[in-house]
Amino acid sequence: MFELCEAKSGYIYNLDVYTGAHPTNSEHNTASSVSDRLCDKIKGKDHCVYMDRWFSSPKIFDLLWGCKTKAVGAVMSNRKEMPKQAFSGKLKKGKKKSRQPLAHQVERHL
């Protein structure tokens, strides 16, 4: 089950039940597609979405930014959409690296 929750109260604002592979649309259960569907009702309302590394990607950040919705999240450096130059070098424990291309920010925490 995928959920969009309000941060302070934990109220579930929207949810999507995973029912397995979609019979006609292979993109239906991708992280960006799920994020896009969950955020449908809050787009354009100047909200900020915080997500874990499974959902975070430049693709969904750009999509949400284009809908006047901010996004912040940890990312996986080996995700295929991630710019390789953003994660060159090893970080020391407790350090972070941020990137802000196209007016959004990507952070990596160890």
PDB file of N, CA and C in Angstrom:
ATOM      1  N   MET A   1       0.849  -1.168   0.000  1.00  0.00           N
ATOM      2  CA  MET A   1       0.000   0.000   0.000  1.00  0.00           C
ATOM      3  C   MET A   1       0.897   1.234   0.000  1.00  0.00           C
ATOM      4  N   PHE A   2       0.583   2.176  -0.861  1.00  0.00           N
ATOM      5  CA  PHE A   2       1.302   3.443  -0.936  1.00  0.00           C
ATOM      6  C   PHE A   2       0.408   4.526  -0.335  1.00  0.00           C
ATOM      7  N   GLU A   3       0.992   5.385   0.510  1.00  0.00           N
ATOM      8  CA  GLU A   3       0.196   6.406   1.190  1.00  0.00           C
ATOM      9  C   GLU A   3       0.832   7.779   1.101  1.00  0.00           C
ATOM     10  N   LEU A   4      -0.007   8.803   0.989  1.00  0.00           N
ATOM     11  CA  LEU A   4       0.396  10.195   1.121  1.00  0.00           C
ATOM     12  C   LEU A   4      -0.217  10.668   2.422  1.00  0.00           C
ATOM     13  N   CYS A   5       0.638  11.027   3.400  1.00  0.00           N
ATOM     14  CA  CYS A   5       0.150  11.385   4.731  1.00  0.00           C
ATOM     15  C   CYS A   5       0.525  12.815   5.089  1.00  0.00           C
ATOM     16  N   GLU A   6      -0.302  13.435   5.897  1.00  0.00           N
ATOM     17  CA  GLU A   6      -0.018  14.754   6.435  1.00  0.00           C
ATOM     18  C   GLU A   6       1.038  14.569   7.527  1.00  0.00           C
ATOM     19  N   ALA A   7       2.081  15.388   7.512  1.00  0.00           N
ATOM     20  CA  ALA A   7       3.242  15.163   8.375  1.00  0.00           C
ATOM     21  C   ALA A   7       2.957  15.296   9.869  1.00  0.00           C
ATOM     22  N   LYS A   8       2.181  16.256  10.271  1.00  0.00           N
ATOM     23  CA  LYS A   8       1.993  16.506  11.700  1.00  0.00           C
ATOM     24  C   LYS A   8       1.070  15.475  12.362  1.00  0.00           C
ATOM     25  N   SER A   9      -0.071  15.205  11.738  1.00  0.00           N
ATOM     26  CA  SER A   9      -1.047  14.310  12.361  1.00  0.00           C
ATOM     27  C   SER A   9      -0.938  12.863  11.899  1.00  0.00           C
ATOM     28  N   GLY A  10      -0.320  12.637  10.734  1.00  0.00           N
ATOM     29  CA  GLY A  10      -0.245  11.297  10.173  1.00  0.00           C
ATOM     30  C   GLY A  10      -1.508  10.912   9.411  1.00  0.00           C
ATOM     31  N   TYR A  11      -2.431  11.859   9.258  1.00  0.00           N
ATOM     32  CA  TYR A  11      -3.679  11.622   8.535  1.00  0.00           C
ATOM     33  C   TYR A  11      -3.364  11.176   7.105  1.00  0.00           C
ATOM     34  N   ILE A  12      -3.998  10.099   6.652  1.00  0.00           N
ATOM     35  CA  ILE A  12      -3.786   9.604   5.291  1.00  0.00           C
ATOM     36  C   ILE A  12      -4.614  10.451   4.336  1.00  0.00           C
ATOM     37  N   TYR A  13      -3.925  11.185   3.485  1.00  0.00           N
ATOM     38  CA  TYR A  13      -4.575  12.088   2.548  1.00  0.00           C
ATOM     39  C   TYR A  13      -4.982  11.377   1.260  1.00  0.00           C
ATOM     40  N   ASN A  14      -4.167  10.422   0.836  1.00  0.00           N
ATOM     41  CA  ASN A  14      -4.455   9.653  -0.371  1.00  0.00           C
ATOM     42  C   ASN A  14      -3.725   8.321  -0.259  1.00  0.00           C
ATOM     43  N   LEU A  15      -4.280   7.279  -0.853  1.00  0.00           N
ATOM     44  CA  LEU A  15      -3.584   5.999  -0.844  1.00  0.00           C
ATOM     45  C   LEU A  15      -3.833   5.251  -2.139  1.00  0.00           C
ATOM     46  N   ASP A  16      -2.929   4.341  -2.412  1.00  0.00           N
ATOM     47  CA  ASP A  16      -2.993   3.534  -3.629  1.00  0.00           C
ATOM     48  C   ASP A  16      -2.631   2.109  -3.212  1.00  0.00           C
ATOM     49  N   VAL A  17      -3.518   1.183  -3.454  1.00  0.00           N
ATOM     50  CA  VAL A  17      -3.291  -0.205  -3.069  1.00  0.00           C
ATOM     51  C   VAL A  17      -2.554  -0.913  -4.195  1.00  0.00           C
ATOM     52  N   TYR A  18      -1.423  -1.506  -3.871  1.00  0.00           N
ATOM     53  CA  TYR A  18      -0.652  -2.265  -4.865  1.00  0.00           C
ATOM     54  C   TYR A  18      -1.329  -3.610  -5.075  1.00  0.00           C
ATOM     55  N   THR A  19      -1.689  -3.901  -6.308  1.00  0.00           N
ATOM     56  CA  THR A  19      -2.377  -5.152  -6.622  1.00  0.00           C
ATOM     57  C   THR A  19      -1.581  -6.016  -7.598  1.00  0.00           C
ATOM     58  N   GLY A  20      -0.303  -5.751  -7.701  1.00  0.00           N
ATOM     59  CA  GLY A  20       0.542  -6.510  -8.619  1.00  0.00           C
ATOM     60  C   GLY A  20       0.763  -5.768  -9.914  1.00  0.00           C
ATOM     61  N   ALA A  21       1.404  -6.444 -10.834  1.00  0.00           N
ATOM     62  CA  ALA A  21       1.720  -5.841 -12.130  1.00  0.00           C
ATOM     63  C   ALA A  21       0.435  -5.464 -12.862  1.00  0.00           C
ATOM     64  N   HIS A  22       0.449  -4.298 -13.482  1.00  0.00           N
ATOM     65  CA  HIS A  22      -0.704  -3.833 -14.258  1.00  0.00           C
ATOM     66  C   HIS A  22      -0.733  -4.581 -15.588  1.00  0.00           C
ATOM     67  N   PRO A  23      -1.895  -5.098 -15.986  1.00  0.00           N
ATOM     68  CA  PRO A  23      -1.948  -5.939 -17.195  1.00  0.00           C
ATOM     69  C   PRO A  23      -1.639  -5.217 -18.505  1.00  0.00           C
ATOM     70  N   THR A  24      -1.877  -3.904 -18.570  1.00  0.00           N
ATOM     71  CA  THR A  24      -1.674  -3.202 -19.842  1.00  0.00           C
ATOM     72  C   THR A  24      -0.669  -2.058 -19.777  1.00  0.00           C
ATOM     73  N   ASN A  25      -0.260  -1.646 -18.577  1.00  0.00           N
ATOM     74  CA  ASN A  25       0.642  -0.500 -18.450  1.00  0.00           C
ATOM     75  C   ASN A  25       1.818  -0.850 -17.549  1.00  0.00           C
ATOM     76  N   SER A  26       2.976  -1.108 -18.131  1.00  0.00           N
ATOM     77  CA  SER A  26       4.148  -1.499 -17.342  1.00  0.00           C
ATOM     78  C   SER A  26       4.671  -0.354 -16.474  1.00  0.00           C
ATOM     79  N   GLU A  27       4.321   0.885 -16.777  1.00  0.00           N
ATOM     80  CA  GLU A  27       4.765   2.056 -16.000  1.00  0.00           C
ATOM     81  C   GLU A  27       3.855   2.353 -14.807  1.00  0.00           C
ATOM     82  N   HIS A  28       2.745   1.642 -14.676  1.00  0.00           N
ATOM     83  CA  HIS A  28       1.727   1.944 -13.666  1.00  0.00           C
ATOM     84  C   HIS A  28       2.266   1.931 -12.238  1.00  0.00           C
ATOM     85  N   ASN A  29       3.154   1.017 -11.916  1.00  0.00           N
ATOM     86  CA  ASN A  29       3.655   0.891 -10.546  1.00  0.00           C
ATOM     87  C   ASN A  29       5.082   1.388 -10.361  1.00  0.00           C
ATOM     88  N   THR A  30       5.580   2.201 -11.287  1.00  0.00           N
ATOM     89  CA  THR A  30       6.908   2.792 -11.087  1.00  0.00           C
ATOM     90  C   THR A  30       6.814   3.853  -9.990  1.00  0.00           C
ATOM     91  N   ALA A  31       7.934   4.156  -9.378  1.00  0.00           N
ATOM     92  CA  ALA A  31       7.952   5.141  -8.292  1.00  0.00           C
ATOM     93  C   ALA A  31       7.407   6.488  -8.745  1.00  0.00           C
ATOM     94  N   SER A  32       7.792   6.936  -9.928  1.00  0.00           N
ATOM     95  CA  SER A  32       7.320   8.248 -10.391  1.00  0.00           C
ATOM     96  C   SER A  32       5.827   8.230 -10.698  1.00  0.00           C
ATOM     97  N   SER A  33       5.323   7.141 -11.239  1.00  0.00           N
ATOM     98  CA  SER A  33       3.903   7.045 -11.543  1.00  0.00           C
ATOM     99  C   SER A  33       3.063   7.001 -10.265  1.00  0.00           C
ATOM    100  N   VAL A  34       3.500   6.230  -9.283  1.00  0.00           N
ATOM    101  CA  VAL A  34       2.793   6.148  -8.002  1.00  0.00           C
ATOM    102  C   VAL A  34       2.814   7.513  -7.311  1.00  0.00           C
ATOM    103  N   SER A  35       3.979   8.166  -7.270  1.00  0.00           N
ATOM    104  CA  SER A  35       4.092   9.485  -6.651  1.00  0.00           C
ATOM    105  C   SER A  35       3.176  10.488  -7.332  1.00  0.00           C
ATOM    106  N   ASP A  36       3.153  10.458  -8.647  1.00  0.00           N
ATOM    107  CA  ASP A  36       2.307  11.370  -9.413  1.00  0.00           C
ATOM    108  C   ASP A  36       0.832  11.175  -9.062  1.00  0.00           C
ATOM    109  N   ARG A  37       0.378   9.932  -9.005  1.00  0.00           N
ATOM    110  CA  ARG A  37      -1.026   9.658  -8.660  1.00  0.00           C
ATOM    111  C   ARG A  37      -1.347  10.072  -7.222  1.00  0.00           C
ATOM    112  N   LEU A  38      -0.453   9.756  -6.284  1.00  0.00           N
ATOM    113  CA  LEU A  38      -0.704  10.103  -4.886  1.00  0.00           C
ATOM    114  C   LEU A  38      -0.796  11.613  -4.677  1.00  0.00           C
ATOM    115  N   CYS A  39       0.002  12.362  -5.419  1.00  0.00           N
ATOM    116  CA  CYS A  39       0.065  13.817  -5.237  1.00  0.00           C
ATOM    117  C   CYS A  39      -0.951  14.580  -6.080  1.00  0.00           C
ATOM    118  N   ASP A  40      -1.750  13.885  -6.849  1.00  0.00           N
ATOM    119  CA  ASP A  40      -2.703  14.534  -7.753  1.00  0.00           C
ATOM    120  C   ASP A  40      -3.538  15.628  -7.089  1.00  0.00           C
ATOM    121  N   LYS A  41      -4.078  15.355  -5.891  1.00  0.00           N
ATOM    122  CA  LYS A  41      -4.990  16.293  -5.236  1.00  0.00           C
ATOM    123  C   LYS A  41      -4.291  17.479  -4.576  1.00  0.00           C
ATOM    124  N   ILE A  42      -2.972  17.404  -4.411  1.00  0.00           N
ATOM    125  CA  ILE A  42      -2.271  18.514  -3.747  1.00  0.00           C
ATOM    126  C   ILE A  42      -1.438  19.347  -4.710  1.00  0.00           C
ATOM    127  N   LYS A  43      -1.367  18.943  -5.958  1.00  0.00           N
ATOM    128  CA  LYS A  43      -0.581  19.693  -6.938  1.00  0.00           C
ATOM    129  C   LYS A  43      -1.127  21.110  -7.083  1.00  0.00           C
ATOM    130  N   GLY A  44      -0.204  22.059  -7.203  1.00  0.00           N
ATOM    131  CA  GLY A  44      -0.595  23.449  -7.409  1.00  0.00           C
ATOM    132  C   GLY A  44      -1.047  24.164  -6.150  1.00  0.00           C
ATOM    133  N   LYS A  45      -0.906  23.523  -4.987  1.00  0.00           N
ATOM    134  CA  LYS A  45      -1.360  24.129  -3.733  1.00  0.00           C
ATOM    135  C   LYS A  45      -0.201  24.519  -2.834  1.00  0.00           C
ATOM    136  N   ASP A  46       0.993  24.609  -3.408  1.00  0.00           N
ATOM    137  CA  ASP A  46       2.202  25.054  -2.700  1.00  0.00           C
ATOM    138  C   ASP A  46       2.559  24.173  -1.504  1.00  0.00           C
ATOM    139  N   HIS A  47       2.322  22.872  -1.622  1.00  0.00           N
ATOM    140  CA  HIS A  47       2.730  21.927  -0.588  1.00  0.00           C
ATOM    141  C   HIS A  47       4.166  21.475  -0.840  1.00  0.00           C
ATOM    142  N   CYS A  48       4.770  20.877   0.163  1.00  0.00           N
ATOM    143  CA  CYS A  48       6.090  20.270   0.028  1.00  0.00           C
ATOM    144  C   CYS A  48       5.964  18.798   0.415  1.00  0.00           C
ATOM    145  N   VAL A  49       6.380  17.923  -0.482  1.00  0.00           N
ATOM    146  CA  VAL A  49       6.274  16.480  -0.265  1.00  0.00           C
ATOM    147  C   VAL A  49       7.640  15.944   0.142  1.00  0.00           C
ATOM    148  N   TYR A  50       7.690  15.207   1.245  1.00  0.00           N
ATOM    149  CA  TYR A  50       8.905  14.546   1.704  1.00  0.00           C
ATOM    150  C   TYR A  50       8.746  13.066   1.395  1.00  0.00           C
ATOM    151  N   MET A  51       9.761  12.473   0.753  1.00  0.00           N
ATOM    152  CA  MET A  51       9.642  11.074   0.354  1.00  0.00           C
ATOM    153  C   MET A  51      10.916  10.305   0.645  1.00  0.00           C
ATOM    154  N   ASP A  52      10.775   8.994   0.728  1.00  0.00           N
ATOM    155  CA  ASP A  52      11.950   8.163   0.958  1.00  0.00           C
ATOM    156  C   ASP A  52      12.662   7.888  -0.362  1.00  0.00           C
ATOM    157  N   ARG A  53      13.743   7.163  -0.288  1.00  0.00           N
ATOM    158  CA  ARG A  53      14.605   6.975  -1.457  1.00  0.00           C
ATOM    159  C   ARG A  53      13.986   6.130  -2.557  1.00  0.00           C
ATOM    160  N   TRP A  54      12.975   5.326  -2.260  1.00  0.00           N
ATOM    161  CA  TRP A  54      12.348   4.534  -3.319  1.00  0.00           C
ATOM    162  C   TRP A  54      11.577   5.443  -4.276  1.00  0.00           C
ATOM    163  N   PHE A  55      10.942   6.487  -3.753  1.00  0.00           N
ATOM    164  CA  PHE A  55      10.149   7.395  -4.572  1.00  0.00           C
ATOM    165  C   PHE A  55      10.979   8.511  -5.198  1.00  0.00           C
ATOM    166  N   SER A  56      12.049   8.945  -4.548  1.00  0.00           N
ATOM    167  CA  SER A  56      12.818  10.109  -4.994  1.00  0.00           C
ATOM    168  C   SER A  56      13.557   9.873  -6.296  1.00  0.00           C
ATOM    169  N   SER A  57      13.393  10.816  -7.219  1.00  0.00           N
ATOM    170  CA  SER A  57      14.139  10.796  -8.474  1.00  0.00           C
ATOM    171  C   SER A  57      14.034  12.169  -9.119  1.00  0.00           C
ATOM    172  N   PRO A  58      14.995  12.526  -9.961  1.00  0.00           N
ATOM    173  CA  PRO A  58      14.895  13.807 -10.670  1.00  0.00           C
ATOM    174  C   PRO A  58      13.595  13.901 -11.484  1.00  0.00           C
ATOM    175  N   LYS A  59      13.143  12.781 -12.025  1.00  0.00           N
ATOM    176  CA  LYS A  59      11.926  12.778 -12.841  1.00  0.00           C
ATOM    177  C   LYS A  59      10.709  13.231 -12.033  1.00  0.00           C
ATOM    178  N   ILE A  60      10.507  12.657 -10.848  1.00  0.00           N
ATOM    179  CA  ILE A  60       9.337  13.042 -10.049  1.00  0.00           C
ATOM    180  C   ILE A  60       9.525  14.432  -9.450  1.00  0.00           C
ATOM    181  N   PHE A  61      10.756  14.810  -9.074  1.00  0.00           N
ATOM    182  CA  PHE A  61      10.983  16.158  -8.557  1.00  0.00           C
ATOM    183  C   PHE A  61      10.631  17.195  -9.614  1.00  0.00           C
ATOM    184  N   ASP A  62      11.065  16.975 -10.852  1.00  0.00           N
ATOM    185  CA  ASP A  62      10.753  17.914 -11.942  1.00  0.00           C
ATOM    186  C   ASP A  62       9.251  17.950 -12.226  1.00  0.00           C
ATOM    187  N   LEU A  63       8.617  16.788 -12.224  1.00  0.00           N
ATOM    188  CA  LEU A  63       7.181  16.708 -12.475  1.00  0.00           C
ATOM    189  C   LEU A  63       6.404  17.504 -11.427  1.00  0.00           C
ATOM    190  N   LEU A  64       6.732  17.296 -10.155  1.00  0.00           N
ATOM    191  CA  LEU A  64       6.042  18.002  -9.081  1.00  0.00           C
ATOM    192  C   LEU A  64       6.350  19.499  -9.103  1.00  0.00           C
ATOM    193  N   TRP A  65       7.604  19.849  -9.352  1.00  0.00           N
ATOM    194  CA  TRP A  65       7.985  21.268  -9.411  1.00  0.00           C
ATOM    195  C   TRP A  65       7.190  21.985 -10.497  1.00  0.00           C
ATOM    196  N   GLY A  66       6.994  21.308 -11.641  1.00  0.00           N
ATOM    197  CA  GLY A  66       6.206  21.874 -12.738  1.00  0.00           C
ATOM    198  C   GLY A  66       4.747  22.088 -12.357  1.00  0.00           C
ATOM    199  N   CYS A  67       4.282  21.409 -11.322  1.00  0.00           N
ATOM    200  CA  CYS A  67       2.899  21.543 -10.828  1.00  0.00           C
ATOM    201  C   CYS A  67       2.844  22.399  -9.566  1.00  0.00           C
ATOM    202  N   LYS A  68       3.884  23.214  -9.342  1.00  0.00           N
ATOM    203  CA  LYS A  68       3.964  24.088  -8.155  1.00  0.00           C
ATOM    204  C   LYS A  68       3.874  23.314  -6.838  1.00  0.00           C
ATOM    205  N   THR A  69       4.554  22.176  -6.805  1.00  0.00           N
ATOM    206  CA  THR A  69       4.627  21.357  -5.596  1.00  0.00           C
ATOM    207  C   THR A  69       6.096  21.028  -5.351  1.00  0.00           C
ATOM    208  N   LYS A  70       6.586  21.347  -4.169  1.00  0.00           N
ATOM    209  CA  LYS A  70       7.991  21.093  -3.855  1.00  0.00           C
ATOM    210  C   LYS A  70       8.169  19.645  -3.407  1.00  0.00           C
ATOM    211  N   ALA A  71       9.401  19.130  -3.554  1.00  0.00           N
ATOM    212  CA  ALA A  71       9.698  17.761  -3.123  1.00  0.00           C
ATOM    213  C   ALA A  71      11.099  17.692  -2.547  1.00  0.00           C
ATOM    214  N   VAL A  72      11.243  16.909  -1.491  1.00  0.00           N
ATOM    215  CA  VAL A  72      12.525  16.702  -0.819  1.00  0.00           C
ATOM    216  C   VAL A  72      12.629  15.215  -0.504  1.00  0.00           C
ATOM    217  N   GLY A  73      13.822  14.646  -0.674  1.00  0.00           N
ATOM    218  CA  GLY A  73      13.971  13.245  -0.323  1.00  0.00           C
ATOM    219  C   GLY A  73      15.384  12.748  -0.448  1.00  0.00           C
ATOM    220  N   ALA A  74      15.668  11.696   0.281  1.00  0.00           N
ATOM    221  CA  ALA A  74      16.931  10.987   0.129  1.00  0.00           C
ATOM    222  C   ALA A  74      16.880  10.259  -1.213  1.00  0.00           C
ATOM    223  N   VAL A  75      18.024  10.021  -1.807  1.00  0.00           N
ATOM    224  CA  VAL A  75      18.044   9.368  -3.114  1.00  0.00           C
ATOM    225  C   VAL A  75      19.020   8.203  -3.130  1.00  0.00           C
ATOM    226  N   MET A  76      18.838   7.314  -4.094  1.00  0.00           N
ATOM    227  CA  MET A  76      19.779   6.223  -4.327  1.00  0.00           C
ATOM    228  C   MET A  76      20.730   6.680  -5.430  1.00  0.00           C
ATOM    229  N   SER A  77      22.006   6.688  -5.138  1.00  0.00           N
ATOM    230  CA  SER A  77      22.979   7.185  -6.110  1.00  0.00           C
ATOM    231  C   SER A  77      23.062   6.303  -7.347  1.00  0.00           C
ATOM    232  N   ASN A  78      22.631   5.048  -7.256  1.00  0.00           N
ATOM    233  CA  ASN A  78      22.718   4.149  -8.405  1.00  0.00           C
ATOM    234  C   ASN A  78      21.432   4.114  -9.240  1.00  0.00           C
ATOM    235  N   ARG A  79      20.465   4.960  -8.921  1.00  0.00           N
ATOM    236  CA  ARG A  79      19.238   5.020  -9.726  1.00  0.00           C
ATOM    237  C   ARG A  79      19.591   5.513 -11.118  1.00  0.00           C
ATOM    238  N   LYS A  80      19.004   4.921 -12.149  1.00  0.00           N
ATOM    239  CA  LYS A  80      19.434   5.214 -13.517  1.00  0.00           C
ATOM    240  C   LYS A  80      19.200   6.663 -13.930  1.00  0.00           C
ATOM    241  N   GLU A  81      18.244   7.374 -13.343  1.00  0.00           N
ATOM    242  CA  GLU A  81      18.016   8.771 -13.724  1.00  0.00           C
ATOM    243  C   GLU A  81      18.943   9.751 -13.004  1.00  0.00           C
ATOM    244  N   MET A  82      19.677   9.269 -11.998  1.00  0.00           N
ATOM    245  CA  MET A  82      20.510  10.168 -11.197  1.00  0.00           C
ATOM    246  C   MET A  82      21.755  10.581 -11.957  1.00  0.00           C
ATOM    247  N   PRO A  83      22.074  11.883 -11.948  1.00  0.00           N
ATOM    248  CA  PRO A  83      23.314  12.330 -12.590  1.00  0.00           C
ATOM    249  C   PRO A  83      24.520  11.766 -11.855  1.00  0.00           C
ATOM    250  N   LYS A  84      25.385  11.079 -12.570  1.00  0.00           N
ATOM    251  CA  LYS A  84      26.545  10.419 -11.947  1.00  0.00           C
ATOM    252  C   LYS A  84      27.489  11.418 -11.280  1.00  0.00           C
ATOM    253  N   GLN A  85      27.657  12.599 -11.875  1.00  0.00           N
ATOM    254  CA  GLN A  85      28.584  13.583 -11.311  1.00  0.00           C
ATOM    255  C   GLN A  85      28.118  14.101  -9.953  1.00  0.00           C
ATOM    256  N   ALA A  86      26.841  13.950  -9.636  1.00  0.00           N
ATOM    257  CA  ALA A  86      26.329  14.416  -8.343  1.00  0.00           C
ATOM    258  C   ALA A  86      26.836  13.566  -7.189  1.00  0.00           C
ATOM    259  N   PHE A  87      27.295  12.341  -7.485  1.00  0.00           N
ATOM    260  CA  PHE A  87      27.686  11.427  -6.409  1.00  0.00           C
ATOM    261  C   PHE A  87      29.109  10.918  -6.561  1.00  0.00           C
ATOM    262  N   SER A  88      29.956  11.713  -7.140  1.00  0.00           N
ATOM    263  CA  SER A  88      31.348  11.294  -7.250  1.00  0.00           C
ATOM    264  C   SER A  88      32.030  11.503  -5.896  1.00  0.00           C
ATOM    265  N   GLY A  89      32.878  10.595  -5.545  1.00  0.00           N
ATOM    266  CA  GLY A  89      33.586  10.684  -4.270  1.00  0.00           C
ATOM    267  C   GLY A  89      32.795  10.082  -3.127  1.00  0.00           C
ATOM    268  N   LYS A  90      33.483   9.728  -2.081  1.00  0.00           N
ATOM    269  CA  LYS A  90      32.892   9.101  -0.908  1.00  0.00           C
ATOM    270  C   LYS A  90      32.615  10.180   0.140  1.00  0.00           C
ATOM    271  N   LEU A  91      31.482  10.098   0.804  1.00  0.00           N
ATOM    272  CA  LEU A  91      31.163  11.029   1.880  1.00  0.00           C
ATOM    273  C   LEU A  91      31.534  10.427   3.220  1.00  0.00           C
ATOM    274  N   LYS A  92      31.981  11.275   4.133  1.00  0.00           N
ATOM    275  CA  LYS A  92      32.260  10.812   5.482  1.00  0.00           C
ATOM    276  C   LYS A  92      30.942  10.676   6.234  1.00  0.00           C
ATOM    277  N   LYS A  93      30.933   9.817   7.238  1.00  0.00           N
ATOM    278  CA  LYS A  93      29.735   9.558   8.029  1.00  0.00           C
ATOM    279  C   LYS A  93      29.172  10.867   8.590  1.00  0.00           C
ATOM    280  N   GLY A  94      27.854  11.040   8.427  1.00  0.00           N
ATOM    281  CA  GLY A  94      27.183  12.226   8.930  1.00  0.00           C
ATOM    282  C   GLY A  94      27.185  13.407   7.978  1.00  0.00           C
ATOM    283  N   LYS A  95      27.906  13.318   6.870  1.00  0.00           N
ATOM    284  CA  LYS A  95      27.970  14.406   5.904  1.00  0.00           C
ATOM    285  C   LYS A  95      26.869  14.244   4.870  1.00  0.00           C
ATOM    286  N   LYS A  96      26.520  15.326   4.214  1.00  0.00           N
ATOM    287  CA  LYS A  96      25.505  15.276   3.178  1.00  0.00           C
ATOM    288  C   LYS A  96      25.987  16.040   1.954  1.00  0.00           C
ATOM    289  N   LYS A  97      25.364  15.734   0.861  1.00  0.00           N
ATOM    290  CA  LYS A  97      25.676  16.392  -0.396  1.00  0.00           C
ATOM    291  C   LYS A  97      24.356  16.836  -0.999  1.00  0.00           C
ATOM    292  N   SER A  98      24.280  18.056  -1.460  1.00  0.00           N
ATOM    293  CA  SER A  98      23.021  18.517  -2.042  1.00  0.00           C
ATOM    294  C   SER A  98      23.278  19.036  -3.450  1.00  0.00           C
ATOM    295  N   ARG A  99      22.236  19.063  -4.201  1.00  0.00           N
ATOM    296  CA  ARG A  99      22.315  19.510  -5.591  1.00  0.00           C
ATOM    297  C   ARG A  99      21.029  20.245  -5.903  1.00  0.00           C
ATOM    298  N   GLN A 100      21.142  21.329  -6.643  1.00  0.00           N
ATOM    299  CA  GLN A 100      19.961  22.108  -6.939  1.00  0.00           C
ATOM    300  C   GLN A 100      19.895  22.498  -8.413  1.00  0.00           C
ATOM    301  N   PRO A 101      19.843  21.519  -9.315  1.00  0.00           N
ATOM    302  CA  PRO A 101      19.644  21.876 -10.721  1.00  0.00           C
ATOM    303  C   PRO A 101      18.167  22.105 -10.993  1.00  0.00           C
ATOM    304  N   LEU A 102      17.856  22.952 -11.915  1.00  0.00           N
ATOM    305  CA  LEU A 102      16.465  23.206 -12.314  1.00  0.00           C
ATOM    306  C   LEU A 102      15.564  23.525 -11.133  1.00  0.00           C
ATOM    307  N   ALA A 103      16.097  24.260 -10.179  1.00  0.00           N
ATOM    308  CA  ALA A 103      15.330  24.779  -9.053  1.00  0.00           C
ATOM    309  C   ALA A 103      14.739  23.712  -8.123  1.00  0.00           C
ATOM    310  N   HIS A 104      15.363  22.553  -8.029  1.00  0.00           N
ATOM    311  CA  HIS A 104      14.980  21.600  -6.987  1.00  0.00           C
ATOM    312  C   HIS A 104      16.239  21.067  -6.330  1.00  0.00           C
ATOM    313  N   GLN A 105      16.084  20.486  -5.182  1.00  0.00           N
ATOM    314  CA  GLN A 105      17.238  20.062  -4.409  1.00  0.00           C
ATOM    315  C   GLN A 105      17.194  18.560  -4.188  1.00  0.00           C
ATOM    316  N   VAL A 106      18.349  17.937  -4.329  1.00  0.00           N
ATOM    317  CA  VAL A 106      18.478  16.507  -4.070  1.00  0.00           C
ATOM    318  C   VAL A 106      19.535  16.365  -2.979  1.00  0.00           C
ATOM    319  N   GLU A 107      19.250  15.594  -1.923  1.00  0.00           N
ATOM    320  CA  GLU A 107      20.214  15.407  -0.843  1.00  0.00           C
ATOM    321  C   GLU A 107      20.486  13.939  -0.627  1.00  0.00           C
ATOM    322  N   ARG A 108      21.692  13.648  -0.175  1.00  0.00           N
ATOM    323  CA  ARG A 108      22.071  12.286   0.164  1.00  0.00           C
ATOM    324  C   ARG A 108      22.617  12.286   1.579  1.00  0.00           C
ATOM    325  N   HIS A 109      22.031  11.475   2.446  1.00  0.00           N
ATOM    326  CA  HIS A 109      22.492  11.355   3.834  1.00  0.00           C
ATOM    327  C   HIS A 109      23.012   9.951   4.054  1.00  0.00           C
ATOM    328  N   LEU A 110      24.090   9.854   4.781  1.00  0.00           N
ATOM    329  CA  LEU A 110      24.627   8.542   5.131  1.00  0.00           C
ATOM    330  C   LEU A 110      24.236   8.180   6.534  1.00  0.00           C
TER     331      LEU A 110
END
